[in-house]
Amino acid sequence: MTTEQALSGNRRRQMKSASRLYAVQALFQMEHSQQSSDAVLREFLEHRFGAEVEDGIDMAEGDADLFRKLVEDAQNWQAKIDQTTDRALVAKWPIARIDPTLRALFRAAGAEMMQSDTPPRVVIMEFVEVAKAFYPDGKESRFVNAVLDHMARQARPEAF
């Protein structure tokens, strides 16, 4: 039995959810600090996944393969993802003008939507939850839901 098989379905889902959150953070950090993807991936995998941050509070363990794939695909397919995001945004608000955290979120979600077999509705639901983690009191989660729904219908219309 592999480690993956030994994990419960719920635990695997939690790890994937954590990886999506970490991917958004990593993409934000890469854009903000101009660090390479290799440096950021290494930092997250070595110092954040499952790390104890303070007084017994632990960072969630993530799915390293999903995390790495999301960051790399977001970077490799950024132009296509940004074009799809731009089409989903209002004309006066191209992706370059939106909040950098939301931009990172759309890139990570777009990467998973366009480069994996994950059902688009799952991608949307997961990244709406990520938006709620970053903006617990805001309207951003509804905005993210609308933009990702539009992106999914463009990228994978057969799923609807």
N, C-alpha and C. Protein backbone atom coordinates (compact mmCIF):
# COMPACT_ATOMS: atom_id res chain seq x y z
N MET A 1 0.85 -1.18 0.00
CA MET A 1 0.00 0.00 0.00
C MET A 1 0.90 1.24 0.00
N THR A 2 0.63 2.17 -0.92
CA THR A 2 1.42 3.40 -0.99
C THR A 2 0.93 4.40 0.05
N THR A 3 1.73 5.43 0.28
CA THR A 3 1.34 6.47 1.22
C THR A 3 0.03 7.10 0.78
N GLU A 4 -0.11 7.33 -0.52
CA GLU A 4 -1.34 7.94 -1.08
C GLU A 4 -2.55 7.07 -0.75
N GLN A 5 -2.42 5.74 -0.90
CA GLN A 5 -3.53 4.84 -0.63
C GLN A 5 -3.84 4.79 0.86
N ALA A 6 -2.82 4.94 1.69
CA ALA A 6 -3.00 4.86 3.13
C ALA A 6 -3.77 6.05 3.68
N LEU A 7 -3.74 7.17 2.99
CA LEU A 7 -4.45 8.36 3.44
C LEU A 7 -5.94 8.23 3.17
N SER A 8 -6.74 8.69 4.09
CA SER A 8 -8.18 8.65 3.88
C SER A 8 -8.57 9.65 2.78
N GLY A 9 -9.71 9.45 2.20
CA GLY A 9 -10.20 10.37 1.17
C GLY A 9 -10.32 11.79 1.69
N ASN A 10 -10.79 11.93 2.93
CA ASN A 10 -10.94 13.26 3.52
C ASN A 10 -9.58 13.91 3.72
N ARG A 11 -8.60 13.16 4.17
CA ARG A 11 -7.25 13.69 4.38
C ARG A 11 -6.63 14.13 3.05
N ARG A 12 -6.82 13.34 2.00
CA ARG A 12 -6.31 13.71 0.67
C ARG A 12 -6.95 15.00 0.20
N ARG A 13 -8.25 15.15 0.40
CA ARG A 13 -8.94 16.39 0.01
C ARG A 13 -8.39 17.59 0.76
N GLN A 14 -8.16 17.41 2.07
CA GLN A 14 -7.59 18.51 2.88
C GLN A 14 -6.20 18.90 2.37
N MET A 15 -5.40 17.92 2.02
CA MET A 15 -4.06 18.19 1.52
C MET A 15 -4.12 18.92 0.17
N LYS A 16 -5.04 18.51 -0.68
CA LYS A 16 -5.19 19.18 -1.98
C LYS A 16 -5.68 20.61 -1.78
N SER A 17 -6.60 20.81 -0.87
CA SER A 17 -7.09 22.16 -0.58
C SER A 17 -5.95 23.04 -0.08
N ALA A 18 -5.14 22.50 0.83
CA ALA A 18 -4.00 23.26 1.34
C ALA A 18 -3.04 23.60 0.21
N SER A 19 -2.83 22.67 -0.70
CA SER A 19 -1.91 22.91 -1.83
C SER A 19 -2.41 24.03 -2.73
N ARG A 20 -3.71 24.12 -2.90
CA ARG A 20 -4.27 25.20 -3.72
C ARG A 20 -4.02 26.56 -3.06
N LEU A 21 -4.22 26.62 -1.76
CA LEU A 21 -3.95 27.85 -1.01
C LEU A 21 -2.47 28.20 -1.11
N TYR A 22 -1.60 27.23 -0.90
CA TYR A 22 -0.16 27.46 -0.99
C TYR A 22 0.24 27.90 -2.40
N ALA A 23 -0.40 27.35 -3.42
CA ALA A 23 -0.06 27.73 -4.80
C ALA A 23 -0.38 29.20 -5.03
N VAL A 24 -1.51 29.67 -4.51
CA VAL A 24 -1.86 31.09 -4.65
C VAL A 24 -0.81 31.94 -3.93
N GLN A 25 -0.44 31.54 -2.72
CA GLN A 25 0.58 32.28 -1.98
C GLN A 25 1.91 32.29 -2.72
N ALA A 26 2.29 31.15 -3.28
CA ALA A 26 3.57 31.06 -3.99
C ALA A 26 3.56 31.92 -5.25
N LEU A 27 2.48 31.90 -6.00
CA LEU A 27 2.39 32.72 -7.22
C LEU A 27 2.42 34.21 -6.87
N PHE A 28 1.74 34.57 -5.79
CA PHE A 28 1.79 35.96 -5.33
C PHE A 28 3.23 36.33 -4.97
N GLN A 29 3.88 35.47 -4.20
CA GLN A 29 5.25 35.74 -3.77
C GLN A 29 6.19 35.85 -4.98
N MET A 30 6.02 35.00 -5.97
CA MET A 30 6.88 35.05 -7.16
C MET A 30 6.72 36.37 -7.88
N GLU A 31 5.48 36.83 -8.02
CA GLU A 31 5.23 38.09 -8.71
C GLU A 31 5.74 39.28 -7.90
N HIS A 32 5.49 39.24 -6.60
CA HIS A 32 5.83 40.36 -5.73
C HIS A 32 7.34 40.50 -5.52
N SER A 33 8.03 39.38 -5.37
CA SER A 33 9.45 39.43 -5.01
C SER A 33 10.39 39.14 -6.18
N GLN A 34 9.81 38.76 -7.32
CA GLN A 34 10.61 38.40 -8.49
C GLN A 34 11.51 37.19 -8.23
N GLN A 35 11.14 36.33 -7.29
CA GLN A 35 11.89 35.10 -7.03
C GLN A 35 11.55 34.07 -8.10
N SER A 36 12.47 33.18 -8.36
CA SER A 36 12.23 32.12 -9.34
C SER A 36 11.24 31.10 -8.78
N SER A 37 10.61 30.38 -9.67
CA SER A 37 9.67 29.35 -9.21
C SER A 37 10.42 28.27 -8.43
N ASP A 38 11.62 27.93 -8.84
CA ASP A 38 12.39 26.92 -8.10
C ASP A 38 12.63 27.34 -6.66
N ALA A 39 13.02 28.59 -6.45
CA ALA A 39 13.29 29.08 -5.10
C ALA A 39 12.02 29.07 -4.25
N VAL A 40 10.92 29.52 -4.83
CA VAL A 40 9.66 29.58 -4.08
C VAL A 40 9.13 28.17 -3.80
N LEU A 41 9.19 27.30 -4.79
CA LEU A 41 8.74 25.92 -4.57
C LEU A 41 9.54 25.27 -3.44
N ARG A 42 10.85 25.44 -3.47
CA ARG A 42 11.71 24.86 -2.44
C ARG A 42 11.36 25.42 -1.06
N GLU A 43 11.17 26.74 -0.99
CA GLU A 43 10.82 27.37 0.30
C GLU A 43 9.53 26.79 0.86
N PHE A 44 8.52 26.68 0.03
CA PHE A 44 7.23 26.18 0.51
C PHE A 44 7.34 24.72 0.93
N LEU A 45 7.97 23.90 0.10
CA LEU A 45 8.04 22.48 0.39
C LEU A 45 8.90 22.19 1.63
N GLU A 46 9.95 22.96 1.83
CA GLU A 46 10.84 22.71 2.96
C GLU A 46 10.42 23.41 4.25
N HIS A 47 9.78 24.58 4.13
CA HIS A 47 9.55 25.39 5.32
C HIS A 47 8.09 25.68 5.65
N ARG A 48 7.18 25.35 4.77
CA ARG A 48 5.79 25.67 5.07
C ARG A 48 4.89 24.45 5.19
N PHE A 49 5.07 23.48 4.31
CA PHE A 49 4.22 22.29 4.35
C PHE A 49 4.39 21.60 5.69
N GLY A 50 3.35 21.62 6.51
CA GLY A 50 3.37 20.92 7.78
C GLY A 50 4.25 21.54 8.85
N ALA A 51 4.75 22.74 8.65
CA ALA A 51 5.65 23.38 9.61
C ALA A 51 4.89 23.90 10.83
N GLU A 52 5.55 23.87 11.97
CA GLU A 52 4.99 24.48 13.17
C GLU A 52 5.39 25.95 13.14
N VAL A 53 4.41 26.84 13.16
CA VAL A 53 4.71 28.26 13.06
C VAL A 53 4.85 28.94 14.41
N GLU A 54 3.98 28.62 15.35
CA GLU A 54 4.10 29.21 16.69
C GLU A 54 3.17 28.50 17.66
N ASP A 55 3.62 28.37 18.87
CA ASP A 55 2.81 27.83 19.97
C ASP A 55 1.97 26.62 19.58
N GLY A 56 2.58 25.68 18.88
CA GLY A 56 1.88 24.45 18.54
C GLY A 56 0.93 24.56 17.37
N ILE A 57 0.86 25.73 16.74
CA ILE A 57 0.00 25.89 15.57
C ILE A 57 0.79 25.41 14.35
N ASP A 58 0.21 24.49 13.63
CA ASP A 58 0.90 23.92 12.48
C ASP A 58 0.30 24.41 11.17
N MET A 59 1.17 24.55 10.17
CA MET A 59 0.70 24.79 8.82
C MET A 59 0.18 23.44 8.31
N ALA A 60 -0.81 23.48 7.47
CA ALA A 60 -1.37 22.24 6.93
C ALA A 60 -0.36 21.53 6.04
N GLU A 61 -0.42 20.23 6.07
CA GLU A 61 0.40 19.44 5.15
C GLU A 61 -0.29 19.51 3.79
N GLY A 62 0.48 19.65 2.76
CA GLY A 62 -0.10 19.75 1.42
C GLY A 62 0.28 18.58 0.55
N ASP A 63 -0.33 18.52 -0.60
CA ASP A 63 -0.02 17.54 -1.64
C ASP A 63 1.06 18.18 -2.51
N ALA A 64 2.30 17.76 -2.30
CA ALA A 64 3.44 18.39 -2.97
C ALA A 64 3.33 18.31 -4.49
N ASP A 65 2.85 17.19 -5.01
CA ASP A 65 2.75 17.04 -6.47
C ASP A 65 1.74 18.03 -7.05
N LEU A 66 0.58 18.16 -6.40
CA LEU A 66 -0.42 19.10 -6.89
C LEU A 66 0.10 20.54 -6.78
N PHE A 67 0.70 20.86 -5.66
CA PHE A 67 1.26 22.20 -5.46
C PHE A 67 2.27 22.54 -6.56
N ARG A 68 3.20 21.66 -6.78
CA ARG A 68 4.23 21.88 -7.80
C ARG A 68 3.59 22.03 -9.18
N LYS A 69 2.63 21.18 -9.51
CA LYS A 69 1.97 21.22 -10.82
C LYS A 69 1.21 22.53 -11.00
N LEU A 70 0.50 22.97 -9.99
CA LEU A 70 -0.26 24.22 -10.10
C LEU A 70 0.67 25.41 -10.34
N VAL A 71 1.74 25.48 -9.58
CA VAL A 71 2.67 26.61 -9.73
C VAL A 71 3.35 26.57 -11.09
N GLU A 72 3.84 25.40 -11.47
CA GLU A 72 4.53 25.29 -12.76
C GLU A 72 3.59 25.52 -13.93
N ASP A 73 2.38 24.94 -13.88
CA ASP A 73 1.42 25.13 -14.98
C ASP A 73 0.95 26.58 -15.05
N ALA A 74 0.76 27.21 -13.90
CA ALA A 74 0.35 28.62 -13.90
C ALA A 74 1.41 29.48 -14.56
N GLN A 75 2.65 29.15 -14.30
CA GLN A 75 3.75 29.90 -14.90
C GLN A 75 3.88 29.58 -16.39
N ASN A 76 3.84 28.31 -16.74
CA ASN A 76 4.02 27.89 -18.14
C ASN A 76 2.87 28.31 -19.05
N TRP A 77 1.68 28.37 -18.52
CA TRP A 77 0.48 28.69 -19.30
C TRP A 77 -0.08 30.06 -18.95
N GLN A 78 0.73 30.92 -18.33
CA GLN A 78 0.24 32.20 -17.83
C GLN A 78 -0.43 33.04 -18.90
N ALA A 79 0.14 33.15 -20.07
CA ALA A 79 -0.45 33.99 -21.12
C ALA A 79 -1.85 33.51 -21.49
N LYS A 80 -2.01 32.21 -21.67
CA LYS A 80 -3.32 31.65 -22.02
C LYS A 80 -4.31 31.83 -20.87
N ILE A 81 -3.85 31.59 -19.64
CA ILE A 81 -4.72 31.74 -18.47
C ILE A 81 -5.14 33.20 -18.33
N ASP A 82 -4.19 34.12 -18.47
CA ASP A 82 -4.51 35.55 -18.36
C ASP A 82 -5.49 35.99 -19.44
N GLN A 83 -5.35 35.48 -20.66
CA GLN A 83 -6.29 35.82 -21.73
C GLN A 83 -7.69 35.33 -21.38
N THR A 84 -7.78 34.12 -20.87
CA THR A 84 -9.08 33.56 -20.48
C THR A 84 -9.67 34.36 -19.33
N THR A 85 -8.84 34.76 -18.39
CA THR A 85 -9.30 35.57 -17.27
C THR A 85 -9.76 36.93 -17.76
N ASP A 86 -8.99 37.56 -18.63
CA ASP A 86 -9.37 38.87 -19.19
C ASP A 86 -10.74 38.82 -19.84
N ARG A 87 -11.03 37.74 -20.57
CA ARG A 87 -12.34 37.62 -21.22
C ARG A 87 -13.47 37.50 -20.21
N ALA A 88 -13.14 37.02 -19.01
CA ALA A 88 -14.15 36.86 -17.97
C ALA A 88 -14.34 38.12 -17.13
N LEU A 89 -13.39 39.04 -17.24
CA LEU A 89 -13.46 40.28 -16.46
C LEU A 89 -14.14 41.38 -17.26
N VAL A 90 -14.58 42.41 -16.58
CA VAL A 90 -15.17 43.57 -17.22
C VAL A 90 -14.06 44.26 -18.01
N ALA A 91 -14.40 44.82 -19.16
CA ALA A 91 -13.41 45.43 -20.06
C ALA A 91 -12.50 46.45 -19.37
N LYS A 92 -13.04 47.21 -18.43
CA LYS A 92 -12.25 48.24 -17.76
C LYS A 92 -11.34 47.67 -16.68
N TRP A 93 -11.45 46.37 -16.42
CA TRP A 93 -10.64 45.76 -15.36
C TRP A 93 -9.88 44.56 -15.89
N PRO A 94 -8.88 44.79 -16.74
CA PRO A 94 -8.06 43.66 -17.19
C PRO A 94 -7.28 43.07 -16.02
N ILE A 95 -6.79 41.88 -16.21
CA ILE A 95 -6.12 41.16 -15.12
C ILE A 95 -4.97 41.96 -14.52
N ALA A 96 -4.31 42.78 -15.31
CA ALA A 96 -3.19 43.57 -14.80
C ALA A 96 -3.63 44.59 -13.74
N ARG A 97 -4.92 44.95 -13.74
CA ARG A 97 -5.42 45.96 -12.81
C ARG A 97 -6.05 45.38 -11.55
N ILE A 98 -6.24 44.09 -11.49
CA ILE A 98 -6.91 43.54 -10.31
C ILE A 98 -5.91 43.27 -9.20
N ASP A 99 -6.42 43.06 -8.02
CA ASP A 99 -5.63 42.77 -6.83
C ASP A 99 -4.66 41.62 -7.12
N PRO A 100 -3.39 41.75 -6.73
CA PRO A 100 -2.41 40.69 -7.03
C PRO A 100 -2.73 39.33 -6.41
N THR A 101 -3.42 39.33 -5.28
CA THR A 101 -3.81 38.05 -4.69
C THR A 101 -4.85 37.37 -5.57
N LEU A 102 -5.82 38.16 -6.06
CA LEU A 102 -6.83 37.59 -6.96
C LEU A 102 -6.19 37.14 -8.27
N ARG A 103 -5.23 37.89 -8.74
CA ARG A 103 -4.54 37.52 -9.98
C ARG A 103 -3.84 36.15 -9.78
N ALA A 104 -3.17 35.98 -8.65
CA ALA A 104 -2.52 34.70 -8.37
C ALA A 104 -3.55 33.58 -8.26
N LEU A 105 -4.68 33.88 -7.63
CA LEU A 105 -5.74 32.89 -7.49
C LEU A 105 -6.27 32.48 -8.86
N PHE A 106 -6.54 33.44 -9.73
CA PHE A 106 -7.06 33.11 -11.07
C PHE A 106 -6.04 32.30 -11.86
N ARG A 107 -4.76 32.58 -11.67
CA ARG A 107 -3.73 31.83 -12.39
C ARG A 107 -3.65 30.39 -11.89
N ALA A 108 -3.70 30.20 -10.58
CA ALA A 108 -3.66 28.84 -10.04
C ALA A 108 -4.91 28.06 -10.45
N ALA A 109 -6.07 28.69 -10.33
CA ALA A 109 -7.32 28.03 -10.71
C ALA A 109 -7.34 27.74 -12.20
N GLY A 110 -6.88 28.70 -13.00
CA GLY A 110 -6.83 28.49 -14.45
C GLY A 110 -5.91 27.35 -14.81
N ALA A 111 -4.80 27.24 -14.12
CA ALA A 111 -3.87 26.14 -14.38
C ALA A 111 -4.53 24.80 -14.11
N GLU A 112 -5.22 24.70 -12.98
CA GLU A 112 -5.88 23.43 -12.67
C GLU A 112 -7.03 23.16 -13.63
N MET A 113 -7.76 24.19 -13.98
CA MET A 113 -8.89 24.03 -14.87
C MET A 113 -8.47 23.57 -16.26
N MET A 114 -7.37 24.13 -16.74
CA MET A 114 -6.94 23.89 -18.13
C MET A 114 -5.97 22.73 -18.27
N GLN A 115 -5.27 22.36 -17.19
CA GLN A 115 -4.20 21.38 -17.32
C GLN A 115 -4.38 20.14 -16.45
N SER A 116 -5.60 19.89 -16.00
CA SER A 116 -5.83 18.70 -15.18
C SER A 116 -7.19 18.10 -15.52
N ASP A 117 -7.44 16.97 -14.94
CA ASP A 117 -8.73 16.29 -15.13
C ASP A 117 -9.73 16.65 -14.03
N THR A 118 -9.34 17.53 -13.13
CA THR A 118 -10.25 17.92 -12.05
C THR A 118 -11.49 18.56 -12.66
N PRO A 119 -12.67 18.12 -12.27
CA PRO A 119 -13.89 18.72 -12.81
C PRO A 119 -13.92 20.23 -12.53
N PRO A 120 -14.31 21.03 -13.53
CA PRO A 120 -14.31 22.49 -13.34
C PRO A 120 -15.11 22.95 -12.13
N ARG A 121 -16.23 22.30 -11.84
CA ARG A 121 -17.03 22.71 -10.68
C ARG A 121 -16.26 22.51 -9.37
N VAL A 122 -15.42 21.48 -9.32
CA VAL A 122 -14.59 21.25 -8.14
C VAL A 122 -13.54 22.35 -8.03
N VAL A 123 -12.92 22.70 -9.16
CA VAL A 123 -11.92 23.77 -9.18
C VAL A 123 -12.56 25.07 -8.68
N ILE A 124 -13.74 25.38 -9.20
CA ILE A 124 -14.43 26.61 -8.80
C ILE A 124 -14.70 26.60 -7.30
N MET A 125 -15.28 25.53 -6.82
CA MET A 125 -15.62 25.43 -5.40
C MET A 125 -14.37 25.56 -4.52
N GLU A 126 -13.31 24.88 -4.89
CA GLU A 126 -12.08 24.92 -4.09
C GLU A 126 -11.48 26.32 -4.05
N PHE A 127 -11.43 27.01 -5.21
CA PHE A 127 -10.80 28.32 -5.23
C PHE A 127 -11.71 29.42 -4.67
N VAL A 128 -13.01 29.20 -4.65
CA VAL A 128 -13.89 30.12 -3.92
C VAL A 128 -13.57 30.02 -2.43
N GLU A 129 -13.31 28.82 -1.94
CA GLU A 129 -12.91 28.64 -0.54
C GLU A 129 -11.56 29.31 -0.26
N VAL A 130 -10.64 29.23 -1.21
CA VAL A 130 -9.35 29.93 -1.05
C VAL A 130 -9.59 31.44 -0.96
N ALA A 131 -10.48 31.95 -1.82
CA ALA A 131 -10.80 33.38 -1.78
C ALA A 131 -11.35 33.77 -0.41
N LYS A 132 -12.20 32.93 0.16
CA LYS A 132 -12.76 33.21 1.49
C LYS A 132 -11.67 33.25 2.55
N ALA A 133 -10.63 32.43 2.37
CA ALA A 133 -9.52 32.43 3.34
C ALA A 133 -8.76 33.75 3.30
N PHE A 134 -8.61 34.32 2.10
CA PHE A 134 -7.90 35.59 1.97
C PHE A 134 -8.79 36.80 2.25
N TYR A 135 -10.07 36.67 1.95
CA TYR A 135 -11.01 37.79 2.09
C TYR A 135 -12.24 37.33 2.87
N PRO A 136 -12.11 37.06 4.16
CA PRO A 136 -13.23 36.49 4.91
C PRO A 136 -14.45 37.40 5.03
N ASP A 137 -14.26 38.70 4.93
CA ASP A 137 -15.39 39.62 5.11
C ASP A 137 -15.84 40.28 3.81
N GLY A 138 -15.21 39.92 2.70
CA GLY A 138 -15.47 40.65 1.47
C GLY A 138 -16.40 39.95 0.50
N LYS A 139 -16.62 40.65 -0.59
CA LYS A 139 -17.47 40.14 -1.67
C LYS A 139 -16.64 39.39 -2.71
N GLU A 140 -15.34 39.29 -2.46
CA GLU A 140 -14.43 38.70 -3.43
C GLU A 140 -14.79 37.27 -3.79
N SER A 141 -15.31 36.50 -2.83
CA SER A 141 -15.62 35.10 -3.14
C SER A 141 -16.71 35.00 -4.21
N ARG A 142 -17.69 35.90 -4.18
CA ARG A 142 -18.72 35.88 -5.23
C ARG A 142 -18.13 36.30 -6.57
N PHE A 143 -17.23 37.28 -6.54
CA PHE A 143 -16.54 37.72 -7.75
C PHE A 143 -15.71 36.57 -8.32
N VAL A 144 -14.96 35.88 -7.46
CA VAL A 144 -14.15 34.74 -7.89
C VAL A 144 -15.04 33.66 -8.50
N ASN A 145 -16.17 33.38 -7.87
CA ASN A 145 -17.09 32.38 -8.39
C ASN A 145 -17.55 32.74 -9.80
N ALA A 146 -17.93 33.99 -10.00
CA ALA A 146 -18.42 34.42 -11.32
C ALA A 146 -17.33 34.35 -12.38
N VAL A 147 -16.14 34.83 -12.06
CA VAL A 147 -15.04 34.83 -13.02
C VAL A 147 -14.63 33.39 -13.36
N LEU A 148 -14.49 32.55 -12.34
CA LEU A 148 -14.08 31.16 -12.60
C LEU A 148 -15.14 30.39 -13.36
N ASP A 149 -16.41 30.67 -13.09
CA ASP A 149 -17.48 30.02 -13.85
C ASP A 149 -17.37 30.39 -15.33
N HIS A 150 -17.14 31.65 -15.61
CA HIS A 150 -16.98 32.11 -17.00
C HIS A 150 -15.76 31.45 -17.63
N MET A 151 -14.65 31.42 -16.90
CA MET A 151 -13.43 30.80 -17.41
C MET A 151 -13.65 29.31 -17.72
N ALA A 152 -14.32 28.63 -16.81
CA ALA A 152 -14.56 27.19 -16.98
C ALA A 152 -15.42 26.91 -18.20
N ARG A 153 -16.43 27.74 -18.41
CA ARG A 153 -17.31 27.54 -19.57
C ARG A 153 -16.58 27.79 -20.88
N GLN A 154 -15.58 28.65 -20.85
CA GLN A 154 -14.74 28.86 -22.04
C GLN A 154 -13.73 27.74 -22.22
N ALA A 155 -13.07 27.39 -21.14
CA ALA A 155 -11.97 26.40 -21.22
C ALA A 155 -12.47 24.97 -21.40
N ARG A 156 -13.58 24.63 -20.74
CA ARG A 156 -14.07 23.25 -20.77
C ARG A 156 -15.59 23.20 -20.89
N PRO A 157 -16.12 23.72 -22.01
CA PRO A 157 -17.58 23.80 -22.17
C PRO A 157 -18.28 22.42 -22.09
N GLU A 158 -17.56 21.38 -22.44
CA GLU A 158 -18.14 20.03 -22.41
C GLU A 158 -18.50 19.58 -21.00
N ALA A 159 -17.95 20.25 -19.99
CA ALA A 159 -18.21 19.86 -18.59
C ALA A 159 -19.51 20.45 -18.06
N PHE A 160 -20.17 21.28 -18.88
CA PHE A 160 -21.41 21.93 -18.40
C PHE A 160 -22.62 21.49 -19.17
